[in-house]
Every structure is written in structure tokens, then in C-alpha cells.
N, C-alpha and C. Protein backbone atom coordinates (compact mmCIF):
# COMPACT_ATOMS: atom_id res chain seq x y z
N MET A 1 0.85 -1.18 0.00
CA MET A 1 0.00 0.00 0.00
C MET A 1 0.90 1.24 0.00
N ASN A 2 0.52 2.23 -0.80
CA ASN A 2 1.36 3.43 -0.86
C ASN A 2 0.95 4.45 0.20
N HIS A 3 1.66 5.55 0.23
CA HIS A 3 1.45 6.55 1.28
C HIS A 3 0.21 7.40 1.07
N PHE A 4 -0.54 7.15 0.03
CA PHE A 4 -1.77 7.90 -0.22
C PHE A 4 -3.00 7.23 0.41
N PHE A 5 -2.81 6.03 0.97
CA PHE A 5 -3.92 5.26 1.54
C PHE A 5 -3.52 4.71 2.90
N THR A 6 -4.51 4.63 3.78
CA THR A 6 -4.30 4.09 5.12
C THR A 6 -5.38 3.04 5.39
N TRP A 7 -4.96 1.92 5.96
CA TRP A 7 -5.88 0.82 6.26
C TRP A 7 -6.93 1.27 7.27
N ASN A 8 -8.20 0.93 7.01
CA ASN A 8 -9.29 1.23 7.92
C ASN A 8 -9.85 -0.09 8.44
N ASP A 9 -9.60 -0.38 9.72
CA ASP A 9 -10.05 -1.64 10.30
C ASP A 9 -11.57 -1.79 10.26
N ARG A 10 -12.28 -0.72 10.51
CA ARG A 10 -13.74 -0.78 10.57
C ARG A 10 -14.34 -1.22 9.24
N LEU A 11 -13.82 -0.69 8.15
CA LEU A 11 -14.38 -1.01 6.84
C LEU A 11 -13.65 -2.16 6.14
N GLY A 12 -12.44 -2.45 6.60
CA GLY A 12 -11.70 -3.56 6.01
C GLY A 12 -11.09 -3.25 4.66
N ILE A 13 -10.87 -1.97 4.38
CA ILE A 13 -10.22 -1.54 3.14
C ILE A 13 -9.31 -0.35 3.44
N PRO A 14 -8.33 -0.11 2.58
CA PRO A 14 -7.55 1.13 2.72
C PRO A 14 -8.38 2.31 2.22
N LEU A 15 -8.25 3.45 2.88
CA LEU A 15 -8.96 4.66 2.46
C LEU A 15 -7.95 5.74 2.10
N PRO A 16 -8.35 6.63 1.18
CA PRO A 16 -7.44 7.71 0.81
C PRO A 16 -7.13 8.62 2.00
N THR A 17 -5.87 9.00 2.10
CA THR A 17 -5.44 9.98 3.10
C THR A 17 -4.61 11.03 2.37
N LEU A 18 -5.30 11.85 1.62
CA LEU A 18 -4.65 12.86 0.80
C LEU A 18 -4.42 14.09 1.66
N GLU A 19 -3.17 14.48 1.79
CA GLU A 19 -2.81 15.56 2.70
C GLU A 19 -2.67 16.91 2.00
N GLN A 20 -3.12 16.99 0.77
CA GLN A 20 -3.12 18.26 0.06
C GLN A 20 -4.25 18.24 -0.96
N GLU A 21 -4.54 19.39 -1.53
CA GLU A 21 -5.59 19.49 -2.53
C GLU A 21 -5.22 18.68 -3.76
N TRP A 22 -6.22 18.12 -4.41
CA TRP A 22 -6.04 17.26 -5.58
C TRP A 22 -5.15 17.93 -6.64
N GLU A 23 -5.39 19.20 -6.89
CA GLU A 23 -4.66 19.93 -7.92
C GLU A 23 -3.17 20.07 -7.59
N MET A 24 -2.81 19.93 -6.34
CA MET A 24 -1.42 20.08 -5.91
C MET A 24 -0.58 18.83 -6.20
N PHE A 25 -1.22 17.71 -6.46
CA PHE A 25 -0.49 16.48 -6.78
C PHE A 25 0.01 16.53 -8.22
N SER A 26 1.14 15.91 -8.45
CA SER A 26 1.65 15.81 -9.82
C SER A 26 0.71 14.89 -10.63
N GLU A 27 0.81 14.99 -11.93
CA GLU A 27 -0.01 14.13 -12.80
C GLU A 27 0.28 12.65 -12.52
N ALA A 28 1.55 12.32 -12.29
CA ALA A 28 1.92 10.93 -12.00
C ALA A 28 1.30 10.46 -10.69
N ASP A 29 1.32 11.32 -9.66
CA ASP A 29 0.70 10.95 -8.38
C ASP A 29 -0.80 10.80 -8.52
N ARG A 30 -1.43 11.71 -9.25
CA ARG A 30 -2.89 11.60 -9.44
C ARG A 30 -3.24 10.30 -10.16
N THR A 31 -2.46 9.96 -11.17
CA THR A 31 -2.71 8.71 -11.89
C THR A 31 -2.53 7.51 -10.96
N ALA A 32 -1.49 7.53 -10.14
CA ALA A 32 -1.23 6.43 -9.20
C ALA A 32 -2.36 6.32 -8.17
N ILE A 33 -2.82 7.46 -7.70
CA ILE A 33 -3.90 7.47 -6.70
C ILE A 33 -5.18 6.89 -7.30
N VAL A 34 -5.54 7.36 -8.48
CA VAL A 34 -6.77 6.87 -9.13
C VAL A 34 -6.65 5.39 -9.45
N THR A 35 -5.51 4.96 -9.94
CA THR A 35 -5.32 3.54 -10.26
C THR A 35 -5.46 2.68 -9.01
N GLU A 36 -4.79 3.09 -7.94
CA GLU A 36 -4.89 2.33 -6.68
C GLU A 36 -6.31 2.34 -6.15
N TRP A 37 -6.99 3.49 -6.22
CA TRP A 37 -8.36 3.57 -5.71
C TRP A 37 -9.29 2.67 -6.52
N GLU A 38 -9.09 2.58 -7.82
CA GLU A 38 -9.94 1.71 -8.64
C GLU A 38 -9.77 0.25 -8.23
N ILE A 39 -8.55 -0.13 -7.88
CA ILE A 39 -8.31 -1.50 -7.40
C ILE A 39 -9.01 -1.72 -6.07
N ILE A 40 -8.84 -0.77 -5.15
CA ILE A 40 -9.48 -0.87 -3.82
C ILE A 40 -11.00 -0.87 -3.99
N ARG A 41 -11.49 0.05 -4.79
CA ARG A 41 -12.93 0.18 -5.02
C ARG A 41 -13.54 -1.13 -5.52
N GLY A 42 -12.78 -1.85 -6.33
CA GLY A 42 -13.24 -3.13 -6.84
C GLY A 42 -13.46 -4.19 -5.78
N THR A 43 -12.85 -4.00 -4.60
CA THR A 43 -13.03 -4.97 -3.51
C THR A 43 -14.25 -4.65 -2.64
N ILE A 44 -14.81 -3.47 -2.81
CA ILE A 44 -15.90 -3.04 -1.93
C ILE A 44 -17.13 -3.94 -2.05
N PRO A 45 -17.57 -4.34 -3.24
CA PRO A 45 -18.74 -5.25 -3.28
C PRO A 45 -18.54 -6.54 -2.49
N ASP A 46 -17.33 -7.10 -2.53
CA ASP A 46 -17.06 -8.31 -1.74
C ASP A 46 -17.14 -8.04 -0.24
N ARG A 47 -16.64 -6.86 0.19
CA ARG A 47 -16.73 -6.48 1.60
C ARG A 47 -18.19 -6.36 2.01
N VAL A 48 -19.00 -5.71 1.17
CA VAL A 48 -20.42 -5.55 1.46
C VAL A 48 -21.08 -6.92 1.56
N PHE A 49 -20.78 -7.80 0.63
CA PHE A 49 -21.35 -9.14 0.65
C PHE A 49 -21.00 -9.87 1.94
N ALA A 50 -19.76 -9.76 2.39
CA ALA A 50 -19.33 -10.42 3.64
C ALA A 50 -20.06 -9.83 4.84
N LEU A 51 -20.23 -8.52 4.87
CA LEU A 51 -20.94 -7.90 5.99
C LEU A 51 -22.42 -8.27 5.97
N GLU A 52 -23.00 -8.37 4.78
CA GLU A 52 -24.40 -8.80 4.68
C GLU A 52 -24.57 -10.23 5.19
N ALA A 53 -23.58 -11.09 4.92
CA ALA A 53 -23.62 -12.46 5.45
C ALA A 53 -23.57 -12.45 6.97
N ASP A 54 -22.74 -11.57 7.54
CA ASP A 54 -22.69 -11.44 9.00
C ASP A 54 -24.03 -10.97 9.55
N ILE A 55 -24.65 -10.01 8.87
CA ILE A 55 -25.97 -9.53 9.31
C ILE A 55 -26.98 -10.67 9.28
N ASN A 56 -26.98 -11.45 8.22
CA ASN A 56 -27.92 -12.57 8.11
C ASN A 56 -27.71 -13.57 9.24
N MET A 57 -26.46 -13.84 9.58
CA MET A 57 -26.15 -14.76 10.68
C MET A 57 -26.66 -14.19 12.00
N LYS A 58 -26.43 -12.91 12.22
CA LYS A 58 -26.88 -12.28 13.47
C LYS A 58 -28.41 -12.20 13.54
N GLN A 59 -29.07 -12.00 12.41
CA GLN A 59 -30.53 -11.99 12.40
C GLN A 59 -31.08 -13.37 12.75
N ALA A 60 -30.40 -14.41 12.30
CA ALA A 60 -30.81 -15.77 12.67
C ALA A 60 -30.62 -15.99 14.16
N GLN A 61 -29.50 -15.48 14.70
CA GLN A 61 -29.27 -15.57 16.15
C GLN A 61 -30.35 -14.81 16.91
N LEU A 62 -30.68 -13.64 16.41
CA LEU A 62 -31.68 -12.80 17.06
C LEU A 62 -33.04 -13.50 17.09
N PHE A 63 -33.37 -14.18 16.02
CA PHE A 63 -34.64 -14.90 15.93
C PHE A 63 -34.73 -15.97 17.01
N GLU A 64 -33.60 -16.59 17.34
CA GLU A 64 -33.57 -17.68 18.33
C GLU A 64 -33.33 -17.18 19.75
N GLU A 65 -32.86 -15.95 19.91
CA GLU A 65 -32.45 -15.45 21.22
C GLU A 65 -33.65 -15.17 22.12
N GLU A 66 -33.56 -15.63 23.35
CA GLU A 66 -34.63 -15.41 24.32
C GLU A 66 -34.28 -14.33 25.34
N SER A 67 -33.01 -14.05 25.50
CA SER A 67 -32.56 -13.04 26.45
C SER A 67 -32.70 -11.65 25.84
N PHE A 68 -33.46 -10.78 26.54
CA PHE A 68 -33.64 -9.42 26.04
C PHE A 68 -32.31 -8.68 25.95
N GLU A 69 -31.49 -8.86 26.97
CA GLU A 69 -30.19 -8.18 27.01
C GLU A 69 -29.31 -8.61 25.83
N ARG A 70 -29.27 -9.90 25.60
CA ARG A 70 -28.48 -10.43 24.47
C ARG A 70 -29.09 -9.98 23.14
N SER A 71 -30.40 -9.90 23.05
CA SER A 71 -31.07 -9.43 21.84
C SER A 71 -30.67 -7.99 21.53
N CYS A 72 -30.58 -7.18 22.56
CA CYS A 72 -30.15 -5.78 22.37
C CYS A 72 -28.73 -5.71 21.84
N THR A 73 -27.86 -6.57 22.36
CA THR A 73 -26.48 -6.60 21.89
C THR A 73 -26.41 -7.03 20.43
N ILE A 74 -27.17 -8.04 20.08
CA ILE A 74 -27.19 -8.51 18.68
C ILE A 74 -27.74 -7.42 17.77
N ASN A 75 -28.80 -6.74 18.21
CA ASN A 75 -29.36 -5.64 17.42
C ASN A 75 -28.32 -4.54 17.20
N SER A 76 -27.57 -4.23 18.23
CA SER A 76 -26.51 -3.23 18.13
C SER A 76 -25.44 -3.67 17.13
N ASP A 77 -25.08 -4.94 17.18
CA ASP A 77 -24.10 -5.48 16.23
C ASP A 77 -24.62 -5.36 14.79
N ILE A 78 -25.89 -5.66 14.59
CA ILE A 78 -26.50 -5.55 13.27
C ILE A 78 -26.46 -4.11 12.78
N ALA A 79 -26.79 -3.18 13.67
CA ALA A 79 -26.77 -1.76 13.30
C ALA A 79 -25.35 -1.32 12.92
N ASP A 80 -24.36 -1.79 13.65
CA ASP A 80 -22.98 -1.44 13.33
C ASP A 80 -22.59 -1.99 11.95
N LEU A 81 -22.95 -3.22 11.67
CA LEU A 81 -22.63 -3.81 10.37
C LEU A 81 -23.34 -3.05 9.24
N ALA A 82 -24.60 -2.68 9.47
CA ALA A 82 -25.34 -1.92 8.47
C ALA A 82 -24.70 -0.56 8.23
N SER A 83 -24.20 0.06 9.29
CA SER A 83 -23.51 1.34 9.16
C SER A 83 -22.25 1.20 8.33
N ARG A 84 -21.54 0.11 8.52
CA ARG A 84 -20.33 -0.14 7.73
C ARG A 84 -20.68 -0.29 6.25
N ILE A 85 -21.77 -1.02 5.98
CA ILE A 85 -22.21 -1.19 4.59
C ILE A 85 -22.54 0.16 3.98
N ASN A 86 -23.25 0.99 4.72
CA ASN A 86 -23.59 2.32 4.23
C ASN A 86 -22.32 3.13 3.91
N ASP A 87 -21.35 3.09 4.81
CA ASP A 87 -20.10 3.82 4.59
C ASP A 87 -19.35 3.27 3.37
N LEU A 88 -19.37 1.96 3.19
CA LEU A 88 -18.72 1.37 2.01
C LEU A 88 -19.41 1.82 0.73
N HIS A 89 -20.73 1.91 0.75
CA HIS A 89 -21.44 2.41 -0.43
C HIS A 89 -21.04 3.85 -0.75
N ILE A 90 -20.89 4.65 0.28
CA ILE A 90 -20.45 6.04 0.07
C ILE A 90 -19.06 6.06 -0.55
N TRP A 91 -18.14 5.28 -0.02
CA TRP A 91 -16.79 5.22 -0.57
C TRP A 91 -16.80 4.67 -1.99
N TYR A 92 -17.68 3.73 -2.27
CA TYR A 92 -17.76 3.16 -3.61
C TYR A 92 -18.13 4.24 -4.62
N ARG A 93 -19.03 5.14 -4.25
CA ARG A 93 -19.45 6.22 -5.14
C ARG A 93 -18.40 7.32 -5.24
N THR A 94 -17.43 7.34 -4.35
CA THR A 94 -16.39 8.37 -4.36
C THR A 94 -15.59 8.32 -5.66
N ASN A 95 -15.50 7.17 -6.29
CA ASN A 95 -14.76 7.04 -7.54
C ASN A 95 -15.23 8.05 -8.58
N GLN A 96 -16.52 8.33 -8.62
CA GLN A 96 -17.05 9.27 -9.60
C GLN A 96 -16.44 10.65 -9.39
N GLU A 97 -16.28 11.07 -8.15
CA GLU A 97 -15.69 12.37 -7.86
C GLU A 97 -14.22 12.40 -8.27
N ILE A 98 -13.49 11.34 -7.99
CA ILE A 98 -12.07 11.29 -8.35
C ILE A 98 -11.92 11.28 -9.87
N GLU A 99 -12.74 10.51 -10.56
CA GLU A 99 -12.67 10.46 -12.02
C GLU A 99 -12.93 11.83 -12.63
N THR A 100 -13.90 12.56 -12.08
CA THR A 100 -14.20 13.90 -12.58
C THR A 100 -12.99 14.80 -12.41
N LYS A 101 -12.34 14.72 -11.26
CA LYS A 101 -11.16 15.54 -10.99
C LYS A 101 -10.01 15.15 -11.92
N ARG A 102 -9.90 13.87 -12.19
CA ARG A 102 -8.79 13.40 -13.03
C ARG A 102 -8.92 13.94 -14.45
N HIS A 103 -10.12 14.11 -14.93
CA HIS A 103 -10.33 14.55 -16.30
C HIS A 103 -10.47 16.07 -16.42
N SER A 104 -10.39 16.77 -15.30
CA SER A 104 -10.51 18.24 -15.34
C SER A 104 -9.21 18.89 -15.75
């Protein structure tokens, strides 16, 4: 991984950590950033699929759970996983913004 991206444990992918305005990067750096992001972006659907599988497993646990306290914990876990999926969808759409900047 290059110095333009930092691993995000919560989402399970590297995220851009650009420390200056896009226009300040050299053409070579911008190309490298976009190329790397396209590779990372391509892994996002698999991450979403894995998190959805976790949600399905937790929903099955919730269906069987009799303890209210444990049910609340499982519900919280489901909400956290859903939040991660939402954030991944946002990052997935970020490619459109980067592509627009690349062609400007």
C-alpha cells in the first residue's frame, strides 16, 4: 500500500489519506492514486457481501435469542454492520468524484 492510503479496520479496506488538494499532486501521483483507488474500489462489493452475510447470521441468532439483554447486543451489532455497509457504499461512489477531478 502506498502513502496515499491508510488501512481502515472498521471497513476492512484502505482509504485515501490525501494531505493536500487534488490539484497540488503531480499528474503521476494523481494517476497512481486513481489507479490504486480503482483496485481498492473493486473490492468493496465483496466487503459488502461479507458484511451482509454477517448480518444474516446475526438476524438468525436474534430470531432464536430469548434473552432481552443479548437481543439488544445482537441488534446493536447488526446496526454497526449496516452502518459499515452504508459507509462502504459512500466510498464506492467516491470514484465518480475522483474520475471527474482526473479529467478536469
